[in-house]
Amino acid sequence: MDPAIYNGFLLVAALFFGAAFILTSYRILAGPNSLDRLLGLDGLVAMIQCALATYICWSLDLTVSGAMLVVALLGFISSVSVARFRKKDGT
């Protein structure tokens, strides 16, 4: 594949990730309750993983894969802990 086309596709993906980060950050900040904020945080963790995978495709550097594993584990642990110890909002 032509490198210009490949970099163009990766640039389009990066622009979509940027827009998704902004929309998800709004959901985290303006969520009416804690479950909406948790859902936004899960989406943000998934987007960070996808953005890191896009970076790996762009740079061909696999040293970031350890960071992807850490982000995945922290996202899972945070979701489980918030879901387990959550109290009703407003009480």
Protein backbone atom coordinates (compact mmCIF):
# COMPACT_ATOMS: atom_id res chain seq x y z
CA MET A 1 0.00 0.00 0.00
CA ASP A 2 1.15 3.50 -0.76
CA PRO A 3 2.50 5.18 2.43
CA ALA A 4 0.58 8.38 1.70
CA ILE A 5 -2.74 6.50 1.58
CA TYR A 6 -1.82 4.54 4.71
CA ASN A 7 -0.96 7.73 6.61
CA GLY A 8 -4.15 9.33 5.31
CA PHE A 9 -6.26 6.51 6.75
CA LEU A 10 -4.44 6.79 10.06
CA LEU A 11 -5.00 10.57 10.08
CA VAL A 12 -8.73 10.08 9.52
CA ALA A 13 -8.80 7.54 12.37
CA ALA A 14 -6.95 10.00 14.63
CA LEU A 15 -9.48 12.75 13.81
CA PHE A 16 -12.36 10.42 14.65
CA PHE A 17 -10.66 9.49 17.93
CA GLY A 18 -10.27 13.18 18.76
CA ALA A 19 -13.98 13.84 18.18
CA ALA A 20 -14.91 10.74 20.18
CA PHE A 21 -12.66 11.84 23.07
CA ILE A 22 -14.41 15.22 23.19
CA LEU A 23 -17.90 13.70 23.13
CA THR A 24 -17.04 11.09 25.74
CA SER A 25 -15.42 13.68 27.99
CA TYR A 26 -18.66 15.65 27.86
CA ARG A 27 -20.58 12.51 28.91
CA ILE A 28 -18.21 11.99 31.84
CA LEU A 29 -18.50 15.60 33.01
CA ALA A 30 -22.23 16.13 32.43
CA GLY A 31 -23.55 12.65 33.21
CA PRO A 32 -26.70 12.87 35.33
CA ASN A 33 -25.62 9.99 37.58
CA SER A 34 -22.60 7.89 38.39
CA LEU A 35 -23.53 5.02 36.05
CA ASP A 36 -23.50 7.41 33.08
CA ARG A 37 -20.08 8.63 34.18
CA LEU A 38 -18.88 5.02 34.54
CA LEU A 39 -20.14 4.19 31.05
CA GLY A 40 -18.31 7.23 29.69
CA LEU A 41 -15.15 6.19 31.50
CA ASP A 42 -15.38 2.68 30.04
CA GLY A 43 -15.77 4.19 26.60
CA LEU A 44 -12.77 6.43 27.21
CA VAL A 45 -10.65 3.45 28.25
CA ALA A 46 -11.68 1.57 25.09
CA MET A 47 -10.84 4.60 22.95
CA ILE A 48 -7.43 4.95 24.60
CA GLN A 49 -6.72 1.34 23.74
CA CYS A 50 -7.81 1.87 20.15
CA ALA A 51 -5.75 5.05 19.90
CA LEU A 52 -2.70 3.20 21.19
CA ALA A 53 -3.31 0.46 18.63
CA THR A 54 -3.51 3.12 15.91
CA TYR A 55 -0.23 4.56 17.17
CA ILE A 56 1.34 1.09 16.94
CA CYS A 57 0.16 0.82 13.32
CA TRP A 58 1.57 4.26 12.54
CA SER A 59 4.96 3.91 14.23
CA LEU A 60 5.44 0.11 13.99
CA ASP A 61 6.73 0.25 17.58
CA LEU A 62 5.45 -2.58 19.80
CA THR A 63 6.74 -1.18 23.10
CA VAL A 64 3.36 0.48 23.66
CA SER A 65 1.61 -2.89 23.91
CA GLY A 66 2.53 -3.11 27.61
CA ALA A 67 0.75 0.20 28.19
CA MET A 68 -2.29 -1.17 26.39
CA LEU A 69 -2.36 -4.13 28.78
CA VAL A 70 -2.11 -1.84 31.83
CA VAL A 71 -4.90 0.41 30.53
CA ALA A 72 -7.13 -2.63 29.93
CA LEU A 73 -6.51 -4.04 33.41
CA LEU A 74 -7.07 -0.69 35.15
CA GLY A 75 -10.26 -0.11 33.16
CA PHE A 76 -11.61 -3.52 34.11
CA ILE A 77 -10.71 -3.18 37.78
CA SER A 78 -12.17 0.32 38.03
CA SER A 79 -15.44 -0.75 36.39
CA VAL A 80 -15.85 -3.76 38.62
CA SER A 81 -15.02 -1.83 41.79
CA VAL A 82 -17.40 1.04 41.02
CA ALA A 83 -20.19 -1.37 40.08
CA ARG A 84 -19.60 -3.41 43.24
CA PHE A 85 -19.45 -0.58 45.77
CA ARG A 86 -21.81 1.92 44.15
CA LYS A 87 -24.55 3.49 46.25
CA LYS A 88 -27.68 5.13 44.93
CA ASP A 89 -27.18 8.67 43.76
CA GLY A 90 -28.66 11.35 46.01
CA THR A 91 -28.63 9.28 49.21
